[in-house]
Amino acid sequence: MAATAANTTVTVNGVNCQVLYAGTQNLFTGLDQINVLLPSSLAGKGTVDVQLTSNGVAANAVQVVIM
């Protein structure tokens, strides 16, 4: 089942983030795209954990650097 904004959640550094889009993209078959709005409170946090869950399945957590 493809990801949708309605069945996808994202937390960054424990902060719930708004999922703007979750669905197919047109370049790679079977690959979904997720667009997330990061709140300004995360500015300058450095290395943070990102956790995505879609259709009740958690993806592997990743770390990103927010300057």
N, C-alpha and C. Protein backbone atom coordinates (compact mmCIF):
# COMPACT_ATOMS: atom_id res chain seq x y z
N MET A 1 0.85 -1.18 0.00
CA MET A 1 0.00 0.00 0.00
C MET A 1 0.89 1.23 0.00
N ALA A 2 0.56 2.18 -0.85
CA ALA A 2 1.34 3.41 -0.96
C ALA A 2 1.11 4.31 0.24
N ALA A 3 2.13 5.07 0.56
CA ALA A 3 2.01 6.05 1.65
C ALA A 3 1.06 7.16 1.25
N THR A 4 0.34 7.68 2.24
CA THR A 4 -0.48 8.88 2.06
C THR A 4 -0.23 9.78 3.26
N ALA A 5 -0.56 11.05 3.13
CA ALA A 5 -0.39 11.96 4.26
C ALA A 5 -1.25 11.55 5.44
N ALA A 6 -2.38 10.90 5.16
CA ALA A 6 -3.30 10.49 6.22
C ALA A 6 -2.77 9.31 7.03
N ASN A 7 -1.92 8.46 6.44
CA ASN A 7 -1.43 7.28 7.16
C ASN A 7 0.06 7.34 7.46
N THR A 8 0.63 8.55 7.43
CA THR A 8 2.07 8.72 7.65
C THR A 8 2.31 9.74 8.75
N THR A 9 3.21 9.39 9.67
CA THR A 9 3.62 10.33 10.72
C THR A 9 5.14 10.44 10.71
N VAL A 10 5.62 11.62 11.09
CA VAL A 10 7.06 11.86 11.16
C VAL A 10 7.35 12.62 12.44
N THR A 11 8.34 12.16 13.19
CA THR A 11 8.84 12.92 14.33
C THR A 11 10.31 13.24 14.08
N VAL A 12 10.69 14.45 14.46
CA VAL A 12 12.07 14.89 14.37
C VAL A 12 12.48 15.36 15.75
N ASN A 13 13.46 14.66 16.33
CA ASN A 13 13.92 14.98 17.68
C ASN A 13 12.76 14.90 18.68
N GLY A 14 11.83 13.99 18.42
CA GLY A 14 10.67 13.80 19.28
C GLY A 14 9.52 14.76 19.03
N VAL A 15 9.67 15.68 18.08
CA VAL A 15 8.64 16.66 17.75
C VAL A 15 7.81 16.15 16.58
N ASN A 16 6.48 16.09 16.74
CA ASN A 16 5.62 15.70 15.63
C ASN A 16 5.67 16.77 14.55
N CYS A 17 5.86 16.34 13.30
CA CYS A 17 5.95 17.27 12.18
C CYS A 17 4.79 17.04 11.23
N GLN A 18 4.36 18.11 10.58
CA GLN A 18 3.24 18.02 9.64
C GLN A 18 3.70 17.38 8.34
N VAL A 19 3.00 16.31 7.94
CA VAL A 19 3.28 15.66 6.66
C VAL A 19 2.48 16.40 5.59
N LEU A 20 3.18 17.06 4.67
CA LEU A 20 2.52 17.83 3.62
C LEU A 20 2.12 16.95 2.45
N TYR A 21 2.93 15.95 2.15
CA TYR A 21 2.66 15.04 1.03
C TYR A 21 3.30 13.71 1.33
N ALA A 22 2.59 12.65 1.02
CA ALA A 22 3.14 11.30 1.07
C ALA A 22 2.48 10.52 -0.05
N GLY A 23 3.28 10.03 -0.95
CA GLY A 23 2.73 9.29 -2.08
C GLY A 23 3.80 8.95 -3.09
N THR A 24 3.34 8.55 -4.25
CA THR A 24 4.27 8.12 -5.28
C THR A 24 5.01 9.30 -5.88
N GLN A 25 6.16 9.00 -6.42
CA GLN A 25 6.91 9.95 -7.23
C GLN A 25 7.11 9.28 -8.58
N ASN A 26 7.47 10.01 -9.57
CA ASN A 26 7.41 9.48 -10.93
C ASN A 26 8.71 8.93 -11.50
N LEU A 27 9.78 8.90 -10.73
CA LEU A 27 11.06 8.49 -11.29
C LEU A 27 11.38 7.01 -11.04
N PHE A 28 11.12 6.52 -9.82
CA PHE A 28 11.47 5.14 -9.48
C PHE A 28 10.22 4.38 -9.06
N THR A 29 9.91 3.31 -9.74
CA THR A 29 8.74 2.49 -9.43
C THR A 29 8.86 1.92 -8.03
N GLY A 30 7.78 2.05 -7.25
CA GLY A 30 7.74 1.48 -5.91
C GLY A 30 8.32 2.37 -4.83
N LEU A 31 8.85 3.53 -5.20
CA LEU A 31 9.45 4.45 -4.22
C LEU A 31 8.46 5.56 -3.91
N ASP A 32 8.19 5.77 -2.63
CA ASP A 32 7.30 6.85 -2.22
C ASP A 32 8.11 8.06 -1.80
N GLN A 33 7.48 9.22 -1.88
CA GLN A 33 8.09 10.50 -1.48
C GLN A 33 7.31 11.05 -0.31
N ILE A 34 8.02 11.59 0.67
CA ILE A 34 7.40 12.20 1.84
C ILE A 34 7.93 13.62 1.97
N ASN A 35 7.04 14.61 2.02
CA ASN A 35 7.42 16.00 2.25
C ASN A 35 6.91 16.40 3.63
N VAL A 36 7.80 16.97 4.44
CA VAL A 36 7.48 17.27 5.84
C VAL A 36 7.82 18.73 6.13
N LEU A 37 6.93 19.40 6.86
CA LEU A 37 7.18 20.77 7.31
C LEU A 37 7.88 20.72 8.66
N LEU A 38 9.09 21.26 8.72
CA LEU A 38 9.83 21.28 9.98
C LEU A 38 9.51 22.56 10.73
N PRO A 39 9.12 22.44 12.01
CA PRO A 39 8.83 23.65 12.78
C PRO A 39 10.11 24.46 13.04
N SER A 40 9.97 25.76 13.15
CA SER A 40 11.13 26.63 13.36
C SER A 40 11.83 26.33 14.68
N SER A 41 11.15 25.67 15.62
CA SER A 41 11.77 25.33 16.90
C SER A 41 12.94 24.35 16.73
N LEU A 42 13.03 23.70 15.57
CA LEU A 42 14.13 22.76 15.33
C LEU A 42 15.37 23.44 14.75
N ALA A 43 15.29 24.71 14.40
CA ALA A 43 16.43 25.43 13.82
C ALA A 43 17.62 25.39 14.78
N GLY A 44 18.77 25.01 14.24
CA GLY A 44 20.00 25.00 15.02
C GLY A 44 20.16 23.84 15.98
N LYS A 45 19.31 22.83 15.90
CA LYS A 45 19.37 21.69 16.84
C LYS A 45 20.54 20.76 16.60
N GLY A 46 21.20 20.87 15.46
CA GLY A 46 22.32 19.97 15.18
C GLY A 46 21.83 18.60 14.74
N THR A 47 22.48 17.55 15.23
CA THR A 47 22.11 16.19 14.84
C THR A 47 20.84 15.77 15.58
N VAL A 48 19.84 15.37 14.80
CA VAL A 48 18.54 14.96 15.36
C VAL A 48 18.11 13.63 14.77
N ASP A 49 17.25 12.93 15.50
CA ASP A 49 16.69 11.67 15.02
C ASP A 49 15.41 11.93 14.26
N VAL A 50 15.24 11.23 13.13
CA VAL A 50 14.02 11.32 12.33
C VAL A 50 13.39 9.94 12.30
N GLN A 51 12.11 9.86 12.67
CA GLN A 51 11.38 8.59 12.65
C GLN A 51 10.12 8.76 11.82
N LEU A 52 9.96 7.90 10.84
CA LEU A 52 8.80 7.91 9.96
C LEU A 52 8.02 6.62 10.13
N THR A 53 6.71 6.74 10.21
CA THR A 53 5.83 5.58 10.27
C THR A 53 4.75 5.75 9.21
N SER A 54 4.54 4.72 8.40
CA SER A 54 3.50 4.76 7.37
C SER A 54 2.77 3.44 7.35
N ASN A 55 1.45 3.52 7.29
CA ASN A 55 0.63 2.31 7.31
C ASN A 55 0.93 1.43 8.53
N GLY A 56 1.30 2.06 9.64
CA GLY A 56 1.59 1.33 10.86
C GLY A 56 2.95 0.68 10.91
N VAL A 57 3.77 0.90 9.89
CA VAL A 57 5.10 0.29 9.83
C VAL A 57 6.15 1.37 9.98
N ALA A 58 7.02 1.22 10.98
CA ALA A 58 8.08 2.19 11.23
C ALA A 58 9.26 1.93 10.30
N ALA A 59 9.75 2.99 9.67
CA ALA A 59 10.97 2.89 8.87
C ALA A 59 12.18 2.91 9.81
N ASN A 60 13.33 2.57 9.30
CA ASN A 60 14.55 2.69 10.09
C ASN A 60 14.76 4.15 10.45
N ALA A 61 15.07 4.42 11.69
CA ALA A 61 15.34 5.79 12.13
C ALA A 61 16.62 6.27 11.47
N VAL A 62 16.67 7.55 11.14
CA VAL A 62 17.87 8.15 10.56
C VAL A 62 18.22 9.40 11.35
N GLN A 63 19.43 9.86 11.18
CA GLN A 63 19.85 11.12 11.80
C GLN A 63 20.19 12.11 10.71
N VAL A 64 19.80 13.36 10.92
CA VAL A 64 20.14 14.46 10.02
C VAL A 64 20.66 15.61 10.86
N VAL A 65 21.37 16.52 10.22
CA VAL A 65 21.88 17.70 10.90
C VAL A 65 21.04 18.91 10.47
N ILE A 66 20.49 19.62 11.45
CA ILE A 66 19.72 20.83 11.18
C ILE A 66 20.55 22.00 11.67
N MET A 67 20.91 22.88 10.76
CA MET A 67 21.76 24.02 11.08
C MET A 67 20.92 25.20 11.52
